[in-house]
C-alpha atoms as a PDB file:
ATOM      1  CA  MET A   1     -12.376 -12.250   1.543  1.00  0.00           C
ATOM      2  CA  ILE A   2     -13.643  -8.712   2.002  1.00  0.00           C
ATOM      3  CA  THR A   3     -16.502  -7.633  -0.244  1.00  0.00           C
ATOM      4  CA  LEU A   4     -17.430  -3.978  -0.701  1.00  0.00           C
ATOM      5  CA  ARG A   5     -20.628  -3.285  -2.639  1.00  0.00           C
ATOM      6  CA  GLY A   6     -21.780   0.261  -3.346  1.00  0.00           C
ATOM      7  CA  LEU A   7     -20.248   1.421  -0.076  1.00  0.00           C
ATOM      8  CA  THR A   8     -21.126   5.081   0.509  1.00  0.00           C
ATOM      9  CA  LYS A   9     -20.349   7.364   3.427  1.00  0.00           C
ATOM     10  CA  ARG A  10     -21.281  11.018   3.775  1.00  0.00           C
ATOM     11  CA  TYR A  11     -20.503  13.566   6.456  1.00  0.00           C
ATOM     12  CA  GLY A  12     -23.093  16.277   5.994  1.00  0.00           C
ATOM     13  CA  GLU A  13     -22.957  17.285   2.336  1.00  0.00           C
ATOM     14  CA  LYS A  14     -19.495  15.811   1.789  1.00  0.00           C
ATOM     15  CA  THR A  15     -19.303  12.322   0.259  1.00  0.00           C
ATOM     16  CA  VAL A  16     -16.205  10.621   1.676  1.00  0.00           C
ATOM     17  CA  VAL A  17     -16.710   7.177   0.124  1.00  0.00           C
ATOM     18  CA  ASP A  18     -18.702   7.121  -3.103  1.00  0.00           C
ATOM     19  CA  ALA A  19     -20.385   3.826  -4.145  1.00  0.00           C
ATOM     20  CA  LEU A  20     -17.138   1.887  -3.677  1.00  0.00           C
ATOM     21  CA  THR A  21     -17.350  -1.616  -5.140  1.00  0.00           C
ATOM     22  CA  CYS A  22     -14.472  -4.119  -5.091  1.00  0.00           C
ATOM     23  CA  ASP A  23     -13.273  -7.406  -3.607  1.00  0.00           C
ATOM     24  CA  VAL A  24     -10.202  -8.015  -1.464  1.00  0.00           C
ATOM     25  CA  ALA A  25      -9.139 -11.576  -2.204  1.00  0.00           C
ATOM     26  CA  ALA A  26      -7.545 -14.132   0.110  1.00  0.00           C
ATOM     27  CA  GLY A  27      -4.041 -15.454  -0.401  1.00  0.00           C
ATOM     28  CA  GLN A  28      -2.465 -12.151  -1.411  1.00  0.00           C
ATOM     29  CA  VAL A  29      -1.465  -8.769  -0.016  1.00  0.00           C
ATOM     30  CA  THR A  30      -3.812  -6.084  -1.331  1.00  0.00           C
ATOM     31  CA  GLY A  31      -2.480  -2.543  -1.095  1.00  0.00           C
ATOM     32  CA  PHE A  32      -5.060   0.185  -0.489  1.00  0.00           C
ATOM     33  CA  LEU A  33      -3.815   3.489  -1.914  1.00  0.00           C
ATOM     34  CA  GLY A  34      -5.129   6.997  -2.329  1.00  0.00           C
ATOM     35  CA  PRO A  35      -4.322  10.632  -1.502  1.00  0.00           C
ATOM     36  CA  ASN A  36      -5.015  12.101   1.928  1.00  0.00           C
ATOM     37  CA  GLY A  37      -8.764  12.392   2.403  1.00  0.00           C
ATOM     38  CA  ALA A  38      -9.515   9.800  -0.304  1.00  0.00           C
ATOM     39  CA  GLY A  39     -11.582   7.681   2.108  1.00  0.00           C
ATOM     40  CA  LYS A  40      -9.199   4.808   2.888  1.00  0.00           C
ATOM     41  CA  SER A  41      -9.417   4.900   6.684  1.00  0.00           C
ATOM     42  CA  THR A  42     -13.175   5.489   6.561  1.00  0.00           C
ATOM     43  CA  THR A  43     -13.582   2.434   4.326  1.00  0.00           C
ATOM     44  CA  MET A  44     -11.604   0.288   6.748  1.00  0.00           C
ATOM     45  CA  ARG A  45     -13.588   1.616   9.701  1.00  0.00           C
ATOM     46  CA  MET A  46     -16.870   0.757   7.967  1.00  0.00           C
ATOM     47  CA  THR A  47     -15.568  -2.746   7.253  1.00  0.00           C
ATOM     48  CA  VAL A  48     -15.157  -3.427  10.981  1.00  0.00           C
ATOM     49  CA  GLY A  49     -18.305  -1.596  12.085  1.00  0.00           C
ATOM     50  CA  LEU A  50     -16.634   1.471  13.619  1.00  0.00           C
ATOM     51  CA  ASP A  51     -18.365   3.755  11.123  1.00  0.00           C
ATOM     52  CA  HIS A  52     -21.760   3.402   9.485  1.00  0.00           C
ATOM     53  CA  GLN A  53     -22.461   3.840   5.804  1.00  0.00           C
ATOM     54  CA  GLN A  54     -25.460   5.545   4.219  1.00  0.00           C
ATOM     55  CA  ALA A  55     -25.607   2.966   1.426  1.00  0.00           C
ATOM     56  CA  GLY A  56     -24.061  -0.297   0.318  1.00  0.00           C
ATOM     57  CA  GLU A  57     -22.426  -2.974   2.424  1.00  0.00           C
ATOM     58  CA  ALA A  58     -19.076  -4.238   3.642  1.00  0.00           C
ATOM     59  CA  LEU A  59     -18.891  -7.991   4.162  1.00  0.00           C
ATOM     60  CA  VAL A  60     -16.203 -10.194   5.695  1.00  0.00           C
ATOM     61  CA  GLY A  61     -16.501 -13.757   4.490  1.00  0.00           C
ATOM     62  CA  GLY A  62     -20.017 -12.952   3.291  1.00  0.00           C
ATOM     63  CA  ARG A  63     -21.201 -11.493   6.619  1.00  0.00           C
ATOM     64  CA  ARG A  64     -21.369  -8.057   8.191  1.00  0.00           C
ATOM     65  CA  TYR A  65     -18.900  -7.499  11.015  1.00  0.00           C
ATOM     66  CA  ALA A  66     -21.742  -7.038  13.513  1.00  0.00           C
ATOM     67  CA  GLU A  67     -22.929 -10.571  12.741  1.00  0.00           C
ATOM     68  CA  LEU A  68     -19.640 -12.207  13.760  1.00  0.00           C
ATOM     69  CA  ARG A  69     -19.954 -14.009  17.102  1.00  0.00           C
ATOM     70  CA  HIS A  70     -16.247 -13.749  17.987  1.00  0.00           C
ATOM     71  CA  PRO A  71     -14.988 -11.048  15.630  1.00  0.00           C
ATOM     72  CA  LEU A  72     -11.334 -11.084  16.738  1.00  0.00           C
ATOM     73  CA  ARG A  73     -11.097 -14.720  15.677  1.00  0.00           C
ATOM     74  CA  GLU A  74     -12.177 -13.825  12.150  1.00  0.00           C
ATOM     75  CA  VAL A  75     -10.963 -10.259  11.594  1.00  0.00           C
ATOM     76  CA  GLY A  76      -7.851  -8.565  12.962  1.00  0.00           C
ATOM     77  CA  ALA A  77      -7.368  -4.844  12.484  1.00  0.00           C
ATOM     78  CA  LEU A  78      -4.768  -2.198  13.209  1.00  0.00           C
ATOM     79  CA  LEU A  79      -6.512   1.096  12.524  1.00  0.00           C
ATOM     80  CA  ASP A  80      -5.233   3.314  15.341  1.00  0.00           C
ATOM     81  CA  ALA A  81      -2.305   2.110  17.430  1.00  0.00           C
ATOM     82  CA  LYS A  82      -3.095   4.708  20.112  1.00  0.00           C
ATOM     83  CA  ALA A  83      -6.585   3.336  20.746  1.00  0.00           C
ATOM     84  CA  LEU A  84      -5.769   1.697  24.084  1.00  0.00           C
ATOM     85  CA  HIS A  85      -5.635   2.487  27.787  1.00  0.00           C
ATOM     86  CA  PRO A  86      -2.242   4.177  28.347  1.00  0.00           C
ATOM     87  CA  GLY A  87      -2.014   2.995  31.953  1.00  0.00           C
ATOM     88  CA  ARG A  88      -2.498  -0.669  31.100  1.00  0.00           C
ATOM     89  CA  SER A  89       0.511  -2.868  30.346  1.00  0.00           C
ATOM     90  CA  ALA A  90       0.949  -4.409  26.918  1.00  0.00           C
ATOM     91  CA  GLY A  91       0.238  -7.859  28.301  1.00  0.00           C
ATOM     92  CA  LYS A  92      -2.883  -6.779  30.193  1.00  0.00           C
ATOM     93  CA  HIS A  93      -4.167  -4.883  27.156  1.00  0.00           C
ATOM     94  CA  LEU A  94      -3.950  -8.006  25.010  1.00  0.00           C
ATOM     95  CA  LEU A  95      -5.312 -10.219  27.793  1.00  0.00           C
ATOM     96  CA  ALA A  96      -8.437  -8.048  28.041  1.00  0.00           C
ATOM     97  CA  MET A  97      -8.922  -8.370  24.297  1.00  0.00           C
ATOM     98  CA  ALA A  98      -8.453 -12.145  24.480  1.00  0.00           C
ATOM     99  CA  ARG A  99     -10.984 -12.626  27.272  1.00  0.00           C
ATOM    100  CA  SER A 100     -13.596 -10.558  25.429  1.00  0.00           C
ATOM    101  CA  ASN A 101     -13.498 -13.009  22.511  1.00  0.00           C
ATOM    102  CA  GLY A 102     -12.873 -16.343  24.224  1.00  0.00           C
ATOM    103  CA  ILE A 103      -9.229 -16.511  23.140  1.00  0.00           C
ATOM    104  CA  ALA A 104      -6.786 -18.534  25.258  1.00  0.00           C
ATOM    105  CA  ALA A 105      -4.537 -16.428  27.516  1.00  0.00           C
ATOM    106  CA  SER A 106      -1.503 -18.304  26.192  1.00  0.00           C
ATOM    107  CA  ARG A 107      -2.064 -16.596  22.863  1.00  0.00           C
ATOM    108  CA  VAL A 108      -0.989 -13.275  24.425  1.00  0.00           C
ATOM    109  CA  GLU A 109       2.565 -14.533  24.980  1.00  0.00           C
ATOM    110  CA  GLU A 110       2.665 -15.933  21.457  1.00  0.00           C
ATOM    111  CA  VAL A 111       1.772 -12.692  19.707  1.00  0.00           C
ATOM    112  CA  LEU A 112       4.034 -10.596  21.950  1.00  0.00           C
ATOM    113  CA  ALA A 113       6.908 -12.858  20.907  1.00  0.00           C
ATOM    114  CA  THR A 114       5.885 -12.567  17.252  1.00  0.00           C
ATOM    115  CA  VAL A 115       6.104  -8.768  17.307  1.00  0.00           C
ATOM    116  CA  GLY A 116       9.229  -8.643  19.503  1.00  0.00           C
ATOM    117  CA  LEU A 117       7.633  -7.179  22.643  1.00  0.00           C
ATOM    118  CA  SER A 118       8.044 -10.074  25.090  1.00  0.00           C
ATOM    119  CA  ASP A 119      10.602  -8.159  27.185  1.00  0.00           C
ATOM    120  CA  VAL A 120       8.252  -5.204  27.684  1.00  0.00           C
ATOM    121  CA  ALA A 121       5.020  -7.098  28.297  1.00  0.00           C
ATOM    122  CA  GLY A 122       4.734  -5.505  31.736  1.00  0.00           C
ATOM    123  CA  LYS A 123       5.436  -1.961  30.589  1.00  0.00           C
ATOM    124  CA  ARG A 124       2.596   0.538  30.377  1.00  0.00           C
ATOM    125  CA  ALA A 125       1.440   1.016  26.810  1.00  0.00           C
ATOM    126  CA  GLY A 126       1.339   4.782  27.305  1.00  0.00           C
ATOM    127  CA  GLN A 127       5.140   4.748  27.710  1.00  0.00           C
ATOM    128  CA  PHE A 128       5.703   3.018  24.389  1.00  0.00           C
ATOM    129  CA  SER A 129       7.396   4.766  21.479  1.00  0.00           C
ATOM    130  CA  LEU A 130       5.455   5.183  18.243  1.00  0.00           C
ATOM    131  CA  GLY A 131       7.127   2.120  16.736  1.00  0.00           C
ATOM    132  CA  MET A 132       6.493  -0.029  19.813  1.00  0.00           C
ATOM    133  CA  GLY A 133       2.866   1.081  19.773  1.00  0.00           C
ATOM    134  CA  GLN A 134       2.593  -0.061  16.156  1.00  0.00           C
ATOM    135  CA  ARG A 135       4.012  -3.458  17.089  1.00  0.00           C
ATOM    136  CA  LEU A 136       1.491  -3.774  19.922  1.00  0.00           C
ATOM    137  CA  GLY A 137      -1.309  -2.885  17.531  1.00  0.00           C
ATOM    138  CA  ILE A 138      -0.141  -5.582  15.133  1.00  0.00           C
ATOM    139  CA  ALA A 139      -0.072  -8.047  18.029  1.00  0.00           C
ATOM    140  CA  GLY A 140      -3.693  -7.168  18.759  1.00  0.00           C
ATOM    141  CA  ALA A 141      -4.641  -7.769  15.127  1.00  0.00           C
ATOM    142  CA  LEU A 142      -2.967 -11.206  15.204  1.00  0.00           C
ATOM    143  CA  LEU A 143      -4.379 -12.188  18.603  1.00  0.00           C
ATOM    144  CA  GLY A 144      -7.359 -14.243  17.400  1.00  0.00           C
ATOM    145  CA  ASP A 145      -5.384 -15.902  14.563  1.00  0.00           C
ATOM    146  CA  PRO A 146      -7.914 -14.452  12.080  1.00  0.00           C
ATOM    147  CA  GLY A 147      -8.261 -15.212   8.394  1.00  0.00           C
ATOM    148  CA  VAL A 148      -8.811 -11.548   7.492  1.00  0.00           C
ATOM    149  CA  LEU A 149      -6.437  -8.738   8.466  1.00  0.00           C
ATOM    150  CA  LEU A 150      -6.670  -4.983   7.944  1.00  0.00           C
ATOM    151  CA  PHE A 151      -3.706  -2.701   8.558  1.00  0.00           C
ATOM    152  CA  ASP A 152      -3.851   1.096   8.253  1.00  0.00           C
ATOM    153  CA  GLU A 153      -0.306   2.507   7.894  1.00  0.00           C
ATOM    154  CA  PRO A 154       1.311  -0.425   9.768  1.00  0.00           C
ATOM    155  CA  VAL A 155       4.924   0.749   9.303  1.00  0.00           C
ATOM    156  CA  ASN A 156       4.321   4.212  10.750  1.00  0.00           C
ATOM    157  CA  GLY A 157       7.094   4.950  13.249  1.00  0.00           C
ATOM    158  CA  LEU A 158       9.104   1.799  12.551  1.00  0.00           C
ATOM    159  CA  ASP A 159      12.821   1.797  11.787  1.00  0.00           C
ATOM    160  CA  PRO A 160      14.119   0.171   8.555  1.00  0.00           C
ATOM    161  CA  ASP A 161      14.489  -3.217  10.223  1.00  0.00           C
ATOM    162  CA  GLY A 162      10.932  -2.952  11.526  1.00  0.00           C
ATOM    163  CA  VAL A 163       9.639  -1.976   8.086  1.00  0.00           C
ATOM    164  CA  ARG A 164      11.282  -5.036   6.570  1.00  0.00           C
ATOM    165  CA  TRP A 165       9.827  -7.218   9.324  1.00  0.00           C
ATOM    166  CA  VAL A 166       6.306  -5.930   8.608  1.00  0.00           C
ATOM    167  CA  ARG A 167       6.807  -6.573   4.887  1.00  0.00           C
ATOM    168  CA  GLN A 168       7.836 -10.168   5.562  1.00  0.00           C
ATOM    169  CA  LEU A 169       4.984 -10.632   8.039  1.00  0.00           C
ATOM    170  CA  MET A 170       2.355  -9.414   5.550  1.00  0.00           C
ATOM    171  CA  ARG A 171       3.640 -11.687   2.828  1.00  0.00           C
ATOM    172  CA  SER A 172       3.822 -14.701   5.144  1.00  0.00           C
ATOM    173  CA  LEU A 173       0.245 -14.120   6.338  1.00  0.00           C
ATOM    174  CA  ALA A 174      -0.968 -13.968   2.732  1.00  0.00           C
ATOM    175  CA  ALA A 175       1.022 -17.111   1.882  1.00  0.00           C
ATOM    176  CA  GLU A 176      -0.993 -18.915   4.567  1.00  0.00           C
ATOM    177  CA  GLY A 177      -4.148 -18.102   2.592  1.00  0.00           C
ATOM    178  CA  ARG A 178      -5.297 -15.118   4.653  1.00  0.00           C
ATOM    179  CA  THR A 179      -6.821 -11.907   3.332  1.00  0.00           C
ATOM    180  CA  VAL A 180      -4.359  -9.043   3.980  1.00  0.00           C
ATOM    181  CA  PHE A 181      -5.601  -5.498   3.277  1.00  0.00           C
ATOM    182  CA  VAL A 182      -2.950  -2.811   3.823  1.00  0.00           C
ATOM    183  CA  SER A 183      -3.246   0.961   3.538  1.00  0.00           C
ATOM    184  CA  SER A 184       0.011   2.892   3.152  1.00  0.00           C
ATOM    185  CA  HIS A 185       1.512   6.085   1.738  1.00  0.00           C
ATOM    186  CA  LEU A 186       4.922   4.463   1.216  1.00  0.00           C
ATOM    187  CA  MET A 187       4.842   3.606  -2.483  1.00  0.00           C
ATOM    188  CA  SER A 188       8.257   1.941  -2.543  1.00  0.00           C
ATOM    189  CA  GLU A 189       7.199  -0.350   0.289  1.00  0.00           C
ATOM    190  CA  MET A 190       3.899  -1.186  -1.384  1.00  0.00           C
ATOM    191  CA  GLN A 191       5.744  -2.099  -4.567  1.00  0.00           C
ATOM    192  CA  LEU A 192       7.794  -4.609  -2.557  1.00  0.00           C
ATOM    193  CA  THR A 193       4.900  -5.934  -0.468  1.00  0.00           C
ATOM    194  CA  ALA A 194       1.621  -5.899  -2.394  1.00  0.00           C
ATOM    195  CA  ASP A 195       0.424  -8.350  -5.034  1.00  0.00           C
ATOM    196  CA  HIS A 196      -2.694  -6.378  -5.937  1.00  0.00           C
ATOM    197  CA  LEU A 197      -3.744  -2.729  -5.638  1.00  0.00           C
ATOM    198  CA  ILE A 198      -7.004  -0.946  -4.987  1.00  0.00           C
ATOM    199  CA  VAL A 199      -6.646   2.805  -5.560  1.00  0.00           C
ATOM    200  CA  ILE A 200      -9.296   5.372  -4.669  1.00  0.00           C
ATOM    201  CA  GLY A 201      -9.524   9.139  -5.081  1.00  0.00           C
ATOM    202  CA  ARG A 202     -12.191  11.367  -3.569  1.00  0.00           C
ATOM    203  CA  GLY A 203     -13.950   8.208  -2.415  1.00  0.00           C
ATOM    204  CA  LYS A 204     -14.241   6.673  -5.886  1.00  0.00           C
ATOM    205  CA  LEU A 205     -12.520   3.582  -7.248  1.00  0.00           C
ATOM    206  CA  LEU A 206      -9.696   4.550  -9.630  1.00  0.00           C
ATOM    207  CA  ALA A 207      -7.967   1.196 -10.092  1.00  0.00           C
ATOM    208  CA  ASP A 208      -8.318  -2.449  -9.084  1.00  0.00           C
ATOM    209  CA  ALA A 209      -5.451  -4.454 -10.587  1.00  0.00           C
ATOM    210  CA  PRO A 210      -2.281  -6.492  -9.956  1.00  0.00           C
ATOM    211  CA  VAL A 211       0.742  -4.301  -9.189  1.00  0.00           C
ATOM    212  CA  ALA A 212       2.571  -4.991 -12.470  1.00  0.00           C
ATOM    213  CA  GLU A 213      -0.569  -4.365 -14.511  1.00  0.00           C
ATOM    214  CA  PHE A 214      -1.259  -1.142 -12.632  1.00  0.00           C
ATOM    215  CA  ILE A 215       2.249   0.209 -13.288  1.00  0.00           C
ATOM    216  CA  ALA A 216       2.142  -0.771 -16.962  1.00  0.00           C
ATOM    217  CA  GLY A 217      -1.278   0.785 -17.464  1.00  0.00           C
ATOM    218  CA  ASN A 218      -0.561   4.094 -15.754  1.00  0.00           C
ATOM    219  CA  SER A 219       2.940   4.960 -16.904  1.00  0.00           C
ATOM    220  CA  ARG A 220       5.200   4.932 -19.944  1.00  0.00           C
ATOM    221  CA  THR A 221       8.451   3.069 -20.463  1.00  0.00           C
ATOM    222  CA  THR A 222      11.369   5.241 -21.594  1.00  0.00           C
ATOM    223  CA  VAL A 223      14.882   4.588 -22.849  1.00  0.00           C
ATOM    224  CA  SER A 224      18.012   6.164 -21.429  1.00  0.00           C
ATOM    225  CA  VAL A 225      21.018   6.520 -23.740  1.00  0.00           C
ATOM    226  CA  ARG A 226      24.210   8.172 -22.519  1.00  0.00           C
ATOM    227  CA  VAL A 227      26.291   9.774 -25.306  1.00  0.00           C
ATOM    228  CA  PRO A 228      29.516  11.530 -24.172  1.00  0.00           C
ATOM    229  CA  ALA A 229      30.117  13.660 -27.319  1.00  0.00           C
ATOM    230  CA  ASP A 230      27.808  16.651 -27.799  1.00  0.00           C
ATOM    231  CA  GLY A 231      27.810  16.371 -31.602  1.00  0.00           C
ATOM    232  CA  ASP A 232      26.955  12.654 -31.528  1.00  0.00           C
ATOM    233  CA  ARG A 233      24.183  13.307 -29.043  1.00  0.00           C
ATOM    234  CA  GLU A 234      22.691  15.992 -31.288  1.00  0.00           C
ATOM    235  CA  SER A 235      22.853  13.685 -34.347  1.00  0.00           C
ATOM    236  CA  LEU A 236      21.101  10.896 -32.428  1.00  0.00           C
ATOM    237  CA  ASP A 237      18.493  13.347 -31.169  1.00  0.00           C
ATOM    238  CA  VAL A 238      17.638  14.344 -34.756  1.00  0.00           C
ATOM    239  CA  ARG A 239      17.267  10.710 -35.852  1.00  0.00           C
ATOM    240  CA  LEU A 240      15.136   9.814 -32.838  1.00  0.00           C
ATOM    241  CA  ARG A 241      12.767  12.694 -33.521  1.00  0.00           C
ATOM    242  CA  ALA A 242      12.554  11.615 -37.166  1.00  0.00           C
ATOM    243  CA  GLU A 243      11.463   8.189 -35.869  1.00  0.00           C
ATOM    244  CA  GLY A 244       8.637   9.847 -33.949  1.00  0.00           C
ATOM    245  CA  GLY A 245      10.382   9.808 -30.595  1.00  0.00           C
ATOM    246  CA  LEU A 246      10.184  12.458 -27.917  1.00  0.00           C
ATOM    247  CA  THR A 247      13.475  13.287 -26.248  1.00  0.00           C
ATOM    248  CA  HIS A 248      14.680  15.417 -23.396  1.00  0.00           C
ATOM    249  CA  PRO A 249      18.101  15.801 -21.793  1.00  0.00           C
ATOM    250  CA  GLY A 250      18.928  13.839 -18.669  1.00  0.00           C
ATOM    251  CA  GLU A 251      22.055  13.928 -16.554  1.00  0.00           C
ATOM    252  CA  ALA A 252      25.674  14.036 -17.776  1.00  0.00           C
ATOM    253  CA  GLY A 253      25.216  13.502 -21.502  1.00  0.00           C
ATOM    254  CA  GLU A 254      22.041  11.454 -21.202  1.00  0.00           C
ATOM    255  CA  LEU A 255      19.082  11.488 -23.603  1.00  0.00           C
ATOM    256  CA  VAL A 256      15.760  10.202 -22.286  1.00  0.00           C
ATOM    257  CA  VAL A 257      13.647   8.816 -25.118  1.00  0.00           C
ATOM    258  CA  ASP A 258       9.901   8.246 -25.181  1.00  0.00           C
ATOM    259  CA  GLY A 259       8.176   6.570 -28.128  1.00  0.00           C
ATOM    260  CA  VAL A 260      11.093   4.538 -29.512  1.00  0.00           C
ATOM    261  CA  ASP A 261      11.895   1.152 -27.978  1.00  0.00           C
ATOM    262  CA  VAL A 262      15.336   0.232 -26.675  1.00  0.00           C
ATOM    263  CA  THR A 263      16.073  -2.148 -29.575  1.00  0.00           C
ATOM    264  CA  ARG A 264      15.481   0.559 -32.189  1.00  0.00           C
ATOM    265  CA  VAL A 265      17.557   3.078 -30.242  1.00  0.00           C
ATOM    266  CA  GLY A 266      20.403   0.546 -30.212  1.00  0.00           C
ATOM    267  CA  ASP A 267      20.066   0.055 -33.981  1.00  0.00           C
ATOM    268  CA  LEU A 268      20.227   3.813 -34.593  1.00  0.00           C
ATOM    269  CA  VAL A 269      23.328   4.129 -32.433  1.00  0.00           C
ATOM    270  CA  HIS A 270      24.957   1.392 -34.498  1.00  0.00           C
ATOM    271  CA  GLU A 271      23.901   2.937 -37.838  1.00  0.00           C
ATOM    272  CA  LEU A 272      25.315   6.325 -36.851  1.00  0.00           C
ATOM    273  CA  GLY A 273      28.553   4.837 -35.503  1.00  0.00           C
ATOM    274  CA  ILE A 274      28.072   6.675 -32.214  1.00  0.00           C
ATOM    275  CA  ARG A 275      30.031   5.837 -29.064  1.00  0.00           C
ATOM    276  CA  VAL A 276      27.740   5.430 -26.027  1.00  0.00           C
ATOM    277  CA  HIS A 277      28.404   4.919 -22.334  1.00  0.00           C
ATOM    278  CA  GLY A 278      25.041   3.414 -21.517  1.00  0.00           C
ATOM    279  CA  LEU A 279      21.768   2.199 -23.023  1.00  0.00           C
ATOM    280  CA  ALA A 280      18.909   1.015 -20.836  1.00  0.00           C
ATOM    281  CA  GLU A 281      15.153   0.714 -20.705  1.00  0.00           C
ATOM    282  CA  ARG A 282      13.493   2.484 -17.800  1.00  0.00           C
ATOM    283  CA  THR A 283      10.314   1.138 -16.254  1.00  0.00           C
ATOM    284  CA  ALA A 284       8.259   3.502 -14.131  1.00  0.00           C
ATOM    285  CA  SER A 285       8.007   2.916 -10.400  1.00  0.00           C
ATOM    286  CA  LEU A 286       4.752   2.377  -8.554  1.00  0.00           C
ATOM    287  CA  GLU A 287       5.090   5.895  -7.169  1.00  0.00           C
ATOM    288  CA  GLN A 288       5.282   7.411 -10.645  1.00  0.00           C
ATOM    289  CA  ALA A 289       2.296   5.402 -11.876  1.00  0.00           C
ATOM    290  CA  TYR A 290       0.307   6.276  -8.744  1.00  0.00           C
ATOM    291  CA  LEU A 291       1.016  10.001  -9.078  1.00  0.00           C
ATOM    292  CA  GLU A 292      -0.032   9.916 -12.730  1.00  0.00           C
ATOM    293  CA  LEU A 293      -3.338   8.246 -11.874  1.00  0.00           C
ATOM    294  CA  THR A 294      -4.255  10.304  -8.813  1.00  0.00           C
ATOM    295  CA  ALA A 295      -3.084  13.744  -9.993  1.00  0.00           C
ATOM    296  CA  ALA A 296      -6.671  14.950 -10.466  1.00  0.00           C
ATOM    297  CA  SER A 297      -7.889  13.427  -7.191  1.00  0.00           C
ATOM    298  CA  VAL A 298      -5.582  15.147  -4.698  1.00  0.00           C
ATOM    299  CA  GLU A 299      -7.793  17.055  -2.294  1.00  0.00           C
ATOM    300  CA  TYR A 300      -5.208  18.431   0.117  1.00  0.00           C
ATOM    301  CA  GLY A 301      -2.297  19.182  -2.203  1.00  0.00           C
ATOM    302  CA  VAL A 302       0.106  22.091  -1.927  1.00  0.00           C
ATOM    303  CA  SER A 303       1.525  24.364  -4.572  1.00  0.00           C
ATOM    304  CA  ALA A 304       5.091  23.733  -5.708  1.00  0.00           C
END
């Protein structure tokens, strides 16, 4: 488990992480979301002792990272895939990491095979593509077979097959009872991968909830009804508004309804004797719910 208590980081007068308090539980994938500049990477860096806070604490299994005797055996992290010697081969890079933490050399071959880099173990890391570099970084995180794993944008540079592989890897690691903390800007991927979400904006905690609960609490469910005849669509629109619904036109004869559930819309269609080509309930995506929640916390947005 990762425990963050009142974690605060300032650069000059700017507060990057503001009294952040939450737990990252074992046995699940926890997605760490927030706009650019929200403080996600800084929080992860403080967790593994690469940055120092002005207040609060970050604990891994109840201890500060600096107190861990062999940290790579307890915490694996991919925070910057480029943080390696470009002239050193992938195998030698991992071997140096292993020796620094008393990890068997045989483990290097194991993790290279896990991430699909066995055939390029002798190639210089500086010649790797972005995706290959990400895979090597993941191998480094897995090297000590740790119980806690932190990944900052792990699918950056990967092709669709690689993205799916990372998704399956994260879920399998969590299924083994490990703590998996993943930062990403890919909302669709987080919706498929994460069990729980921690969302921050301008360094402050905005949400700490299971994915389904987060979506339900930060978005509205609407109903889509497709009516081919203009007159029928107008009649239904009038009745829906009389029921307190809000409507707006969609695509190709569609009405999008907010405030009236799908069962009642179906009843009204039947009462009016209207022919429809579709009736469905729409549930918001994680991306929609996330944008709703963080709209006021975007620090580096652009005008439309």
